Amino acid sequence: MRSFVLTGGRARPTRNTHVLDVITMVTSVPDRSVAGLLPEQLAVVELCRGGYLSVIEVAGHLGQPLTVTRVLLGDLLDTGHIVTRVPAPAVPAANSAAGERAATAHILEKLLHGLQAL
């Protein structure tokens, strides 16, 4: 089926565009009726039942372009069939400024040693 048919001719979701980054995690809402969903929407709901997947992973499993996947996910988010969560940033465990400086210094040190080895 052509992409524009799946999305109703839309190139982006009607709402929720800010929450559908490629690393945003999505999962299905349990016990939500799937009556009336398109086959592609049903595939997304079934795919996400096992736990959280990133938007890009959903696109890969569906074999659809990212734009189409975002529209499908946006529609499912609007109807309450899926929920999202943004993954936590990869920050050192220490929340203190000193801990962050130490981690940064360690990374820079490793980088310097790697460059010197060239």
N, C-alpha and C. Protein backbone atom coordinates (compact mmCIF):
# COMPACT_ATOMS: atom_id res chain seq x y z
N MET A 1 0.85 -1.17 0.00
CA MET A 1 0.00 0.00 0.00
C MET A 1 0.89 1.24 0.00
N ARG A 2 0.50 2.24 -0.74
CA ARG A 2 1.27 3.48 -0.84
C ARG A 2 1.27 4.24 0.48
N SER A 3 2.38 4.90 0.74
CA SER A 3 2.55 5.63 2.00
C SER A 3 1.48 6.69 2.21
N PHE A 4 1.12 7.41 1.16
CA PHE A 4 0.14 8.49 1.33
C PHE A 4 -1.24 7.95 1.66
N VAL A 5 -1.51 6.71 1.31
CA VAL A 5 -2.79 6.09 1.67
C VAL A 5 -2.79 5.77 3.16
N LEU A 6 -1.67 5.25 3.67
CA LEU A 6 -1.57 4.91 5.09
C LEU A 6 -1.71 6.13 5.99
N THR A 7 -1.22 7.26 5.50
CA THR A 7 -1.21 8.47 6.33
C THR A 7 -2.34 9.43 6.01
N GLY A 8 -3.19 9.06 5.09
CA GLY A 8 -4.27 9.97 4.69
C GLY A 8 -3.73 11.21 4.00
N GLY A 9 -2.58 11.08 3.35
CA GLY A 9 -1.97 12.20 2.65
C GLY A 9 -1.15 13.12 3.53
N ARG A 10 -1.06 12.81 4.81
CA ARG A 10 -0.32 13.68 5.75
C ARG A 10 1.16 13.31 5.77
N ALA A 11 1.99 14.32 5.94
CA ALA A 11 3.44 14.10 6.04
C ALA A 11 3.92 14.15 7.47
N ARG A 12 3.06 14.56 8.38
CA ARG A 12 3.41 14.61 9.81
C ARG A 12 2.16 14.38 10.64
N PRO A 13 2.35 13.97 11.88
CA PRO A 13 1.19 13.76 12.75
C PRO A 13 0.42 15.06 12.96
N THR A 14 -0.87 14.94 13.23
CA THR A 14 -1.68 16.14 13.45
C THR A 14 -1.31 16.84 14.74
N ARG A 15 -0.94 16.05 15.75
CA ARG A 15 -0.50 16.59 17.04
C ARG A 15 0.66 15.75 17.52
N ASN A 16 1.17 16.07 18.68
CA ASN A 16 2.21 15.28 19.33
C ASN A 16 3.50 15.17 18.54
N THR A 17 3.77 16.13 17.66
CA THR A 17 4.99 16.05 16.86
C THR A 17 6.24 16.19 17.71
N HIS A 18 6.14 16.88 18.82
CA HIS A 18 7.30 17.11 19.68
C HIS A 18 7.72 15.87 20.45
N VAL A 19 6.87 14.89 20.59
CA VAL A 19 7.21 13.71 21.40
C VAL A 19 7.63 12.50 20.56
N LEU A 20 7.63 12.62 19.26
CA LEU A 20 7.93 11.46 18.42
C LEU A 20 9.30 11.56 17.76
N ASP A 21 10.32 11.80 18.59
CA ASP A 21 11.70 11.78 18.13
C ASP A 21 12.09 10.33 17.85
N VAL A 22 13.16 10.11 17.12
CA VAL A 22 13.53 8.74 16.76
C VAL A 22 13.87 7.87 17.96
N ILE A 23 14.30 8.47 19.07
CA ILE A 23 14.65 7.68 20.25
C ILE A 23 13.53 7.63 21.29
N THR A 24 12.40 8.29 20.99
CA THR A 24 11.27 8.22 21.90
C THR A 24 10.78 6.78 21.98
N MET A 25 10.49 6.33 23.17
CA MET A 25 10.04 4.95 23.39
C MET A 25 8.52 4.91 23.41
N VAL A 26 7.95 3.91 22.75
CA VAL A 26 6.49 3.76 22.71
C VAL A 26 6.11 2.35 23.14
N THR A 27 4.95 2.24 23.75
CA THR A 27 4.40 0.93 24.12
C THR A 27 2.89 0.99 24.04
N SER A 28 2.27 -0.17 23.87
CA SER A 28 0.81 -0.25 23.78
C SER A 28 0.18 -0.12 25.16
N VAL A 29 -1.02 0.44 25.17
CA VAL A 29 -1.80 0.52 26.39
C VAL A 29 -2.55 -0.80 26.53
N PRO A 30 -2.37 -1.51 27.65
CA PRO A 30 -3.04 -2.80 27.81
C PRO A 30 -4.56 -2.66 27.86
N ASP A 31 -5.23 -3.67 27.41
CA ASP A 31 -6.70 -3.77 27.48
C ASP A 31 -7.41 -2.65 26.73
N ARG A 32 -6.78 -2.08 25.74
CA ARG A 32 -7.41 -1.04 24.92
C ARG A 32 -8.01 -1.73 23.70
N SER A 33 -9.27 -1.43 23.39
CA SER A 33 -9.93 -2.05 22.25
C SER A 33 -9.24 -1.63 20.95
N VAL A 34 -9.03 -2.60 20.08
CA VAL A 34 -8.39 -2.32 18.80
C VAL A 34 -9.40 -2.33 17.65
N ALA A 35 -10.67 -2.34 17.98
CA ALA A 35 -11.71 -2.33 16.95
C ALA A 35 -11.61 -1.04 16.15
N GLY A 36 -11.67 -1.18 14.85
CA GLY A 36 -11.67 -0.01 13.97
C GLY A 36 -10.29 0.48 13.56
N LEU A 37 -9.24 -0.18 14.03
CA LEU A 37 -7.89 0.23 13.64
C LEU A 37 -7.56 -0.31 12.25
N LEU A 38 -6.75 0.44 11.52
CA LEU A 38 -6.23 -0.03 10.24
C LEU A 38 -5.27 -1.19 10.50
N PRO A 39 -5.06 -2.06 9.52
CA PRO A 39 -4.13 -3.18 9.73
C PRO A 39 -2.73 -2.72 10.16
N GLU A 40 -2.26 -1.61 9.60
CA GLU A 40 -0.94 -1.10 9.97
C GLU A 40 -0.92 -0.59 11.41
N GLN A 41 -2.00 0.04 11.83
CA GLN A 41 -2.09 0.51 13.21
C GLN A 41 -2.15 -0.68 14.17
N LEU A 42 -2.90 -1.70 13.78
CA LEU A 42 -2.99 -2.91 14.59
C LEU A 42 -1.61 -3.58 14.71
N ALA A 43 -0.85 -3.56 13.62
CA ALA A 43 0.50 -4.13 13.65
C ALA A 43 1.38 -3.38 14.65
N VAL A 44 1.25 -2.06 14.71
CA VAL A 44 2.02 -1.26 15.67
C VAL A 44 1.63 -1.63 17.10
N VAL A 45 0.33 -1.71 17.35
CA VAL A 45 -0.16 -2.03 18.69
C VAL A 45 0.36 -3.40 19.12
N GLU A 46 0.27 -4.39 18.23
CA GLU A 46 0.75 -5.74 18.55
C GLU A 46 2.26 -5.75 18.78
N LEU A 47 2.98 -5.04 17.95
CA LEU A 47 4.43 -4.97 18.05
C LEU A 47 4.88 -4.39 19.39
N CYS A 48 4.15 -3.39 19.85
CA CYS A 48 4.54 -2.68 21.08
C CYS A 48 3.97 -3.31 22.35
N ARG A 49 3.24 -4.39 22.23
CA ARG A 49 2.66 -5.03 23.43
C ARG A 49 3.72 -5.65 24.33
N GLY A 50 4.84 -6.04 23.79
CA GLY A 50 5.87 -6.70 24.58
C GLY A 50 6.70 -5.77 25.43
N GLY A 51 6.56 -4.49 25.26
CA GLY A 51 7.37 -3.52 26.00
C GLY A 51 7.67 -2.32 25.14
N TYR A 52 8.56 -1.50 25.62
CA TYR A 52 8.89 -0.27 24.91
C TYR A 52 9.83 -0.52 23.73
N LEU A 53 9.53 0.15 22.61
CA LEU A 53 10.40 0.18 21.43
C LEU A 53 10.59 1.63 21.04
N SER A 54 11.73 1.95 20.46
CA SER A 54 11.94 3.31 19.98
C SER A 54 11.17 3.50 18.67
N VAL A 55 10.91 4.75 18.35
CA VAL A 55 10.19 5.07 17.11
C VAL A 55 10.93 4.49 15.91
N ILE A 56 12.24 4.60 15.91
CA ILE A 56 13.02 4.08 14.78
C ILE A 56 12.94 2.56 14.70
N GLU A 57 12.88 1.87 15.85
CA GLU A 57 12.72 0.41 15.84
C GLU A 57 11.37 0.01 15.28
N VAL A 58 10.33 0.75 15.63
CA VAL A 58 8.99 0.46 15.10
C VAL A 58 9.01 0.61 13.59
N ALA A 59 9.63 1.68 13.09
CA ALA A 59 9.72 1.90 11.64
C ALA A 59 10.44 0.73 10.97
N GLY A 60 11.52 0.26 11.58
CA GLY A 60 12.26 -0.86 11.02
C GLY A 60 11.45 -2.14 10.98
N HIS A 61 10.74 -2.43 12.06
CA HIS A 61 9.92 -3.64 12.10
C HIS A 61 8.78 -3.58 11.09
N LEU A 62 8.21 -2.39 10.91
CA LEU A 62 7.10 -2.25 9.96
C LEU A 62 7.57 -2.21 8.51
N GLY A 63 8.85 -1.86 8.31
CA GLY A 63 9.34 -1.68 6.95
C GLY A 63 8.77 -0.43 6.31
N GLN A 64 8.45 0.55 7.12
CA GLN A 64 7.87 1.80 6.64
C GLN A 64 8.86 2.94 6.86
N PRO A 65 8.78 3.99 6.04
CA PRO A 65 9.62 5.16 6.28
C PRO A 65 9.30 5.79 7.63
N LEU A 66 10.26 6.50 8.17
CA LEU A 66 10.09 7.14 9.47
C LEU A 66 8.92 8.11 9.47
N THR A 67 8.73 8.84 8.39
CA THR A 67 7.63 9.80 8.31
C THR A 67 6.28 9.11 8.45
N VAL A 68 6.11 8.01 7.76
CA VAL A 68 4.86 7.25 7.83
C VAL A 68 4.66 6.69 9.23
N THR A 69 5.72 6.16 9.81
CA THR A 69 5.65 5.59 11.15
C THR A 69 5.25 6.66 12.17
N ARG A 70 5.81 7.85 12.04
CA ARG A 70 5.45 8.94 12.97
C ARG A 70 3.98 9.30 12.86
N VAL A 71 3.45 9.31 11.65
CA VAL A 71 2.02 9.62 11.48
C VAL A 71 1.17 8.54 12.13
N LEU A 72 1.51 7.27 11.87
CA LEU A 72 0.77 6.16 12.48
C LEU A 72 0.84 6.23 14.01
N LEU A 73 2.04 6.46 14.55
CA LEU A 73 2.20 6.55 16.00
C LEU A 73 1.46 7.75 16.57
N GLY A 74 1.50 8.87 15.86
CA GLY A 74 0.78 10.06 16.32
C GLY A 74 -0.71 9.81 16.41
N ASP A 75 -1.26 9.12 15.42
CA ASP A 75 -2.69 8.79 15.45
C ASP A 75 -3.01 7.86 16.62
N LEU A 76 -2.16 6.87 16.84
CA LEU A 76 -2.38 5.93 17.95
C LEU A 76 -2.20 6.61 19.31
N LEU A 77 -1.32 7.57 19.37
CA LEU A 77 -1.14 8.34 20.60
C LEU A 77 -2.36 9.20 20.88
N ASP A 78 -2.90 9.81 19.82
CA ASP A 78 -4.11 10.64 19.95
C ASP A 78 -5.31 9.83 20.43
N THR A 79 -5.40 8.57 19.99
CA THR A 79 -6.54 7.74 20.37
C THR A 79 -6.31 6.96 21.67
N GLY A 80 -5.13 7.10 22.25
CA GLY A 80 -4.85 6.44 23.52
C GLY A 80 -4.43 4.99 23.41
N HIS A 81 -4.05 4.54 22.22
CA HIS A 81 -3.64 3.15 22.05
C HIS A 81 -2.18 2.91 22.44
N ILE A 82 -1.37 3.97 22.40
CA ILE A 82 0.02 3.86 22.82
C ILE A 82 0.35 5.01 23.76
N VAL A 83 1.41 4.82 24.52
CA VAL A 83 1.96 5.89 25.37
C VAL A 83 3.45 5.99 25.06
N THR A 84 4.02 7.14 25.38
CA THR A 84 5.43 7.37 25.09
C THR A 84 6.20 7.70 26.36
N ARG A 85 7.49 7.54 26.26
CA ARG A 85 8.39 8.04 27.29
C ARG A 85 9.71 8.34 26.61
N VAL A 86 10.32 9.41 27.05
CA VAL A 86 11.61 9.80 26.50
C VAL A 86 12.68 9.09 27.31
N PRO A 87 13.63 8.43 26.65
CA PRO A 87 14.67 7.73 27.40
C PRO A 87 15.53 8.70 28.19
N ALA A 88 16.03 8.23 29.30
CA ALA A 88 16.89 9.05 30.14
C ALA A 88 18.20 9.32 29.40
N PRO A 89 18.72 10.54 29.51
CA PRO A 89 19.98 10.83 28.84
C PRO A 89 21.13 10.03 29.45
N ALA A 90 22.11 9.74 28.65
CA ALA A 90 23.26 8.98 29.12
C ALA A 90 24.21 9.92 29.87
N VAL A 91 23.91 10.11 31.13
CA VAL A 91 24.69 11.01 31.98
C VAL A 91 25.33 10.17 33.08
N PRO A 92 26.52 10.55 33.53
CA PRO A 92 27.12 9.80 34.63
C PRO A 92 26.18 9.74 35.83
N ALA A 93 26.33 8.68 36.61
CA ALA A 93 25.44 8.46 37.75
C ALA A 93 25.50 9.60 38.76
N ALA A 94 26.65 10.18 38.94
CA ALA A 94 26.78 11.28 39.89
C ALA A 94 26.13 12.53 39.32
N ASN A 95 25.21 13.10 40.06
CA ASN A 95 24.51 14.29 39.59
C ASN A 95 25.26 15.57 39.93
N SER A 96 26.31 15.47 40.68
CA SER A 96 27.04 16.66 41.08
C SER A 96 27.88 17.18 39.93
N ALA A 97 28.17 18.47 39.97
CA ALA A 97 29.00 19.08 38.95
C ALA A 97 30.40 18.48 38.97
N ALA A 98 30.92 18.16 40.17
CA ALA A 98 32.24 17.56 40.29
C ALA A 98 32.28 16.19 39.61
N GLY A 99 31.22 15.40 39.79
CA GLY A 99 31.15 14.09 39.15
C GLY A 99 31.12 14.19 37.64
N GLU A 100 30.38 15.17 37.13
CA GLU A 100 30.31 15.37 35.68
C GLU A 100 31.65 15.84 35.13
N ARG A 101 32.33 16.73 35.85
CA ARG A 101 33.64 17.21 35.41
C ARG A 101 34.64 16.05 35.39
N ALA A 102 34.57 15.19 36.39
CA ALA A 102 35.49 14.05 36.45
C ALA A 102 35.24 13.11 35.28
N ALA A 103 33.98 12.87 34.96
CA ALA A 103 33.65 11.99 33.84
C ALA A 103 34.12 12.61 32.53
N THR A 104 33.91 13.91 32.36
CA THR A 104 34.35 14.60 31.16
C THR A 104 35.87 14.55 31.04
N ALA A 105 36.55 14.80 32.15
CA ALA A 105 38.02 14.75 32.14
C ALA A 105 38.51 13.36 31.77
N HIS A 106 37.84 12.33 32.26
CA HIS A 106 38.22 10.95 31.95
C HIS A 106 38.06 10.68 30.45
N ILE A 107 36.97 11.12 29.89
CA ILE A 107 36.73 10.93 28.46
C ILE A 107 37.78 11.67 27.64
N LEU A 108 38.07 12.90 28.02
CA LEU A 108 39.07 13.68 27.30
C LEU A 108 40.46 13.04 27.41
N GLU A 109 40.75 12.48 28.56
CA GLU A 109 42.03 11.80 28.76
C GLU A 109 42.14 10.59 27.83
N LYS A 110 41.07 9.81 27.75
CA LYS A 110 41.06 8.64 26.86
C LYS A 110 41.21 9.07 25.41
N LEU A 111 40.56 10.16 25.05
CA LEU A 111 40.66 10.68 23.69
C LEU A 111 42.09 11.10 23.39
N LEU A 112 42.72 11.80 24.32
CA LEU A 112 44.10 12.25 24.14
C LEU A 112 45.03 11.05 23.96
N HIS A 113 44.88 10.03 24.80
CA HIS A 113 45.73 8.84 24.69
C HIS A 113 45.51 8.14 23.34
N GLY A 114 44.28 8.10 22.89
CA GLY A 114 43.99 7.50 21.59
C GLY A 114 44.62 8.26 20.45
N LEU A 115 44.57 9.58 20.52
CA LEU A 115 45.19 10.40 19.48
C LEU A 115 46.71 10.27 19.49
N GLN A 116 47.28 10.20 20.68
CA GLN A 116 48.73 10.05 20.79
C GLN A 116 49.17 8.70 20.24
N ALA A 117 48.33 7.71 20.34
CA ALA A 117 48.68 6.37 19.84
C ALA A 117 48.69 6.31 18.32
N LEU A 118 48.08 7.27 17.67
CA LEU A 118 48.05 7.27 16.20
C LEU A 118 49.39 7.58 15.69
